[in-house]
C-alpha atoms as a PDB file:
ATOM      1  CA  MET A   1       7.409 -26.557  -3.723  1.00  0.00           C
ATOM      2  CA  SER A   2       7.135 -22.791  -3.570  1.00  0.00           C
ATOM      3  CA  TYR A   3       6.722 -21.424  -0.047  1.00  0.00           C
ATOM      4  CA  LYS A   4       4.815 -18.345   1.042  1.00  0.00           C
ATOM      5  CA  ILE A   5       6.759 -15.247   2.006  1.00  0.00           C
ATOM      6  CA  PRO A   6       6.358 -14.617   5.769  1.00  0.00           C
ATOM      7  CA  GLU A   7       5.174 -11.072   5.125  1.00  0.00           C
ATOM      8  CA  SER A   8       1.517 -10.243   4.601  1.00  0.00           C
ATOM      9  CA  VAL A   9      -1.145  -7.552   4.603  1.00  0.00           C
ATOM     10  CA  LEU A  10      -4.327  -7.062   6.584  1.00  0.00           C
ATOM     11  CA  VAL A  11      -6.880  -4.660   5.091  1.00  0.00           C
ATOM     12  CA  VAL A  12      -9.717  -3.490   7.328  1.00  0.00           C
ATOM     13  CA  ILE A  13     -12.595  -2.433   5.072  1.00  0.00           C
ATOM     14  CA  TYR A  14     -14.898  -0.024   6.889  1.00  0.00           C
ATOM     15  CA  THR A  15     -17.427   2.813   6.609  1.00  0.00           C
ATOM     16  CA  MET A  16     -17.499   6.200   8.345  1.00  0.00           C
ATOM     17  CA  ASN A  17     -20.153   4.697  10.658  1.00  0.00           C
ATOM     18  CA  ARG A  18     -17.514   2.176  11.833  1.00  0.00           C
ATOM     19  CA  ASP A  19     -19.147  -0.776  10.108  1.00  0.00           C
ATOM     20  CA  VAL A  20     -16.510  -3.384   9.289  1.00  0.00           C
ATOM     21  CA  LEU A  21     -16.524  -6.067   6.603  1.00  0.00           C
ATOM     22  CA  LEU A  22     -15.686  -9.575   7.809  1.00  0.00           C
ATOM     23  CA  MET A  23     -15.482 -12.780   5.779  1.00  0.00           C
ATOM     24  CA  GLU A  24     -15.712 -16.378   6.958  1.00  0.00           C
ATOM     25  CA  ARG A  25     -12.767 -18.553   5.921  1.00  0.00           C
ATOM     26  CA  SER A  26     -13.630 -21.550   3.764  1.00  0.00           C
ATOM     27  CA  ASP A  27     -10.781 -23.647   5.220  1.00  0.00           C
ATOM     28  CA  HIS A  28     -11.885 -22.894   8.808  1.00  0.00           C
ATOM     29  CA  PRO A  29     -15.622 -22.226   9.081  1.00  0.00           C
ATOM     30  CA  ASP A  30     -16.406 -19.915  12.010  1.00  0.00           C
ATOM     31  CA  TRP A  31     -13.070 -18.118  11.565  1.00  0.00           C
ATOM     32  CA  TRP A  32     -13.993 -14.581  10.540  1.00  0.00           C
ATOM     33  CA  GLN A  33     -11.474 -12.017   9.322  1.00  0.00           C
ATOM     34  CA  SER A  34     -10.731  -8.937   7.268  1.00  0.00           C
ATOM     35  CA  VAL A  35      -8.943  -9.161   3.920  1.00  0.00           C
ATOM     36  CA  THR A  36      -5.529 -10.798   4.369  1.00  0.00           C
ATOM     37  CA  GLY A  37      -2.831 -12.266   2.180  1.00  0.00           C
ATOM     38  CA  SER A  38       0.868 -12.875   1.732  1.00  0.00           C
ATOM     39  CA  LEU A  39       3.089 -10.719  -0.405  1.00  0.00           C
ATOM     40  CA  GLU A  40       4.196 -12.204  -3.704  1.00  0.00           C
ATOM     41  CA  PRO A  41       7.852 -11.981  -4.808  1.00  0.00           C
ATOM     42  CA  GLY A  42       8.782  -8.387  -5.698  1.00  0.00           C
ATOM     43  CA  GLU A  43       5.475  -6.981  -4.448  1.00  0.00           C
ATOM     44  CA  THR A  44       5.212  -4.061  -2.018  1.00  0.00           C
ATOM     45  CA  PRO A  45       2.744  -4.206   0.876  1.00  0.00           C
ATOM     46  CA  GLU A  46       0.553  -1.591  -0.865  1.00  0.00           C
ATOM     47  CA  GLN A  47       0.492  -3.624  -4.077  1.00  0.00           C
ATOM     48  CA  ALA A  48      -0.392  -6.744  -2.079  1.00  0.00           C
ATOM     49  CA  ALA A  49      -3.206  -4.877  -0.302  1.00  0.00           C
ATOM     50  CA  MET A  50      -4.658  -3.733  -3.618  1.00  0.00           C
ATOM     51  CA  ARG A  51      -4.403  -7.221  -5.131  1.00  0.00           C
ATOM     52  CA  GLU A  52      -5.875  -8.995  -2.101  1.00  0.00           C
ATOM     53  CA  VAL A  53      -8.853  -6.619  -1.859  1.00  0.00           C
ATOM     54  CA  ALA A  54      -9.632  -7.229  -5.538  1.00  0.00           C
ATOM     55  CA  GLU A  55      -9.211 -11.013  -5.249  1.00  0.00           C
ATOM     56  CA  GLU A  56     -11.210 -11.434  -2.038  1.00  0.00           C
ATOM     57  CA  THR A  57     -13.978  -8.847  -2.515  1.00  0.00           C
ATOM     58  CA  GLY A  58     -14.079  -7.799  -6.171  1.00  0.00           C
ATOM     59  CA  LEU A  59     -13.630  -4.159  -5.098  1.00  0.00           C
ATOM     60  CA  ASN A  60     -11.284  -1.861  -6.990  1.00  0.00           C
ATOM     61  CA  VAL A  61      -9.185  -0.087  -4.355  1.00  0.00           C
ATOM     62  CA  ARG A  62      -8.696   2.899  -6.642  1.00  0.00           C
ATOM     63  CA  ASP A  63     -12.413   3.697  -6.275  1.00  0.00           C
ATOM     64  CA  TYR A  64     -12.037   4.208  -2.502  1.00  0.00           C
ATOM     65  CA  ALA A  65      -9.584   5.486   0.100  1.00  0.00           C
ATOM     66  CA  LEU A  66      -6.820   2.958   0.853  1.00  0.00           C
ATOM     67  CA  THR A  67      -4.473   4.092   3.605  1.00  0.00           C
ATOM     68  CA  ASP A  68      -1.342   2.532   4.998  1.00  0.00           C
ATOM     69  CA  TRP A  69      -1.822   2.688   8.754  1.00  0.00           C
ATOM     70  CA  GLN A  70       1.984   2.695   9.193  1.00  0.00           C
ATOM     71  CA  TYR A  71       1.922  -0.160  11.632  1.00  0.00           C
ATOM     72  CA  SER A  72       2.591  -3.860  11.477  1.00  0.00           C
ATOM     73  CA  ASN A  73       2.177  -6.955  13.612  1.00  0.00           C
ATOM     74  CA  ASP A  74       4.756  -9.646  14.135  1.00  0.00           C
ATOM     75  CA  TYR A  75       3.112 -12.890  15.167  1.00  0.00           C
ATOM     76  CA  GLU A  76       3.596 -16.628  15.327  1.00  0.00           C
ATOM     77  CA  ILE A  77       2.076 -18.348  12.307  1.00  0.00           C
ATOM     78  CA  PHE A  78      -0.849 -20.588  13.260  1.00  0.00           C
ATOM     79  CA  ALA A  79       0.270 -24.233  13.314  1.00  0.00           C
ATOM     80  CA  CYS A  80      -2.387 -25.211  10.766  1.00  0.00           C
ATOM     81  CA  TYR A  81      -0.772 -22.869   8.209  1.00  0.00           C
ATOM     82  CA  ARG A  82       2.943 -23.553   8.848  1.00  0.00           C
ATOM     83  CA  HIS A  83       3.167 -26.089   6.011  1.00  0.00           C
ATOM     84  CA  ARG A  84       2.764 -23.174   3.575  1.00  0.00           C
ATOM     85  CA  TYR A  85       6.089 -21.676   4.702  1.00  0.00           C
ATOM     86  CA  ALA A  86       9.685 -22.868   4.577  1.00  0.00           C
ATOM     87  CA  PRO A  87      10.393 -25.354   7.398  1.00  0.00           C
ATOM     88  CA  GLN A  88      12.303 -22.928   9.642  1.00  0.00           C
ATOM     89  CA  VAL A  89       9.745 -20.107   9.324  1.00  0.00           C
ATOM     90  CA  THR A  90       7.466 -19.649  12.342  1.00  0.00           C
ATOM     91  CA  ARG A  91       6.745 -15.880  12.378  1.00  0.00           C
ATOM     92  CA  ASN A  92       5.042 -13.468  10.001  1.00  0.00           C
ATOM     93  CA  THR A  93       5.057  -9.685   9.647  1.00  0.00           C
ATOM     94  CA  GLU A  94       1.631  -8.277   8.788  1.00  0.00           C
ATOM     95  CA  HIS A  95       1.270  -4.722   7.390  1.00  0.00           C
ATOM     96  CA  VAL A  96      -2.041  -3.074   8.267  1.00  0.00           C
ATOM     97  CA  PHE A  97      -4.097  -0.987   5.841  1.00  0.00           C
ATOM     98  CA  GLY A  98      -7.576   0.488   5.937  1.00  0.00           C
ATOM     99  CA  LEU A  99     -10.018   0.860   3.080  1.00  0.00           C
ATOM    100  CA  LEU A 100     -12.769   3.421   3.644  1.00  0.00           C
ATOM    101  CA  VAL A 101     -15.884   2.764   1.571  1.00  0.00           C
ATOM    102  CA  PRO A 102     -18.973   5.023   1.495  1.00  0.00           C
ATOM    103  CA  GLU A 103     -21.433   2.463   2.870  1.00  0.00           C
ATOM    104  CA  ARG A 104     -22.073  -1.214   3.486  1.00  0.00           C
ATOM    105  CA  MET A 105     -22.042  -2.796   0.054  1.00  0.00           C
ATOM    106  CA  ALA A 106     -22.301  -6.143  -1.664  1.00  0.00           C
ATOM    107  CA  ILE A 107     -18.997  -7.792  -2.464  1.00  0.00           C
ATOM    108  CA  THR A 108     -17.975 -10.736  -4.631  1.00  0.00           C
ATOM    109  CA  LEU A 109     -16.321 -13.438  -2.544  1.00  0.00           C
ATOM    110  CA  ALA A 110     -13.581 -15.753  -3.774  1.00  0.00           C
ATOM    111  CA  PRO A 111     -15.313 -19.085  -2.949  1.00  0.00           C
ATOM    112  CA  GLN A 112     -12.010 -20.932  -2.541  1.00  0.00           C
ATOM    113  CA  GLU A 113     -11.158 -18.504   0.285  1.00  0.00           C
ATOM    114  CA  HIS A 114     -14.418 -17.423   1.940  1.00  0.00           C
ATOM    115  CA  LEU A 115     -17.902 -18.801   2.531  1.00  0.00           C
ATOM    116  CA  GLN A 116     -19.857 -15.657   3.372  1.00  0.00           C
ATOM    117  CA  TYR A 117     -19.458 -12.076   4.509  1.00  0.00           C
ATOM    118  CA  VAL A 118     -21.092  -9.731   6.967  1.00  0.00           C
ATOM    119  CA  TRP A 119     -20.905  -6.041   7.854  1.00  0.00           C
ATOM    120  CA  LEU A 120     -20.779  -5.467  11.607  1.00  0.00           C
ATOM    121  CA  PRO A 121     -20.347  -2.491  13.933  1.00  0.00           C
ATOM    122  CA  ALA A 122     -16.666  -2.299  14.923  1.00  0.00           C
ATOM    123  CA  GLN A 123     -16.980  -3.747  18.437  1.00  0.00           C
ATOM    124  CA  ARG A 124     -19.047  -6.678  17.191  1.00  0.00           C
ATOM    125  CA  ALA A 125     -16.474  -7.214  14.432  1.00  0.00           C
ATOM    126  CA  VAL A 126     -13.705  -7.332  17.062  1.00  0.00           C
ATOM    127  CA  ASP A 127     -15.676  -9.952  18.984  1.00  0.00           C
ATOM    128  CA  GLN A 128     -16.261 -11.994  15.802  1.00  0.00           C
ATOM    129  CA  CYS A 129     -12.611 -12.076  14.587  1.00  0.00           C
ATOM    130  CA  PHE A 130     -10.544 -15.149  15.385  1.00  0.00           C
ATOM    131  CA  SER A 131      -7.217 -13.348  14.971  1.00  0.00           C
ATOM    132  CA  PRO A 132      -5.802 -11.143  17.750  1.00  0.00           C
ATOM    133  CA  SER A 133      -3.949  -8.997  15.204  1.00  0.00           C
ATOM    134  CA  ASN A 134      -7.176  -8.441  13.266  1.00  0.00           C
ATOM    135  CA  GLN A 135      -8.969  -7.521  16.491  1.00  0.00           C
ATOM    136  CA  ALA A 136      -6.218  -5.020  17.337  1.00  0.00           C
ATOM    137  CA  ALA A 137      -6.445  -3.440  13.869  1.00  0.00           C
ATOM    138  CA  ILE A 138     -10.210  -2.950  14.145  1.00  0.00           C
ATOM    139  CA  HIS A 139      -9.709  -1.313  17.550  1.00  0.00           C
ATOM    140  CA  LEU A 140      -7.601   1.318  15.751  1.00  0.00           C
ATOM    141  CA  LEU A 141     -10.674   2.600  13.900  1.00  0.00           C
ATOM    142  CA  SER A 142     -11.751   4.669  16.878  1.00  0.00           C
ATOM    143  CA  GLY A 143      -8.652   6.841  16.463  1.00  0.00           C
ATOM    144  CA  ARG A 144      -9.059   7.106  12.694  1.00  0.00           C
ATOM    145  CA  ILE A 145     -12.696   8.176  12.492  1.00  0.00           C
ATOM    146  CA  ARG A 146     -13.753  11.279  14.376  1.00  0.00           C
END
């Protein structure tokens, strides 16, 4: 069995109006989140962010403004996902990126990963997210958009 690397990316996709894209997980309905995903062997966080955005939304990052927010979260992996990692692994490092898009837009979901998506004002997106690290990342928008 090949285990996931305990290093991942979180990409907050947002507009200048502070509207944030959230997607509902297919493996946990009612769990809403931004784009996330583990790094693959030999991949940089930026490469993983670009790949995950394309896989989960159909968007080409090169068409928009992807920025590395130069911050990461270290958190305990949710128990329901631990089987994806080597037996001794309990923590993950998550690198945070932002992707500024011009407006709310239609995306193409990966049905094996997400059921539906919604664009929400930032505070409502914070309230909708199940993940504390995702909530914290969305809170950072206020300092990034003036």
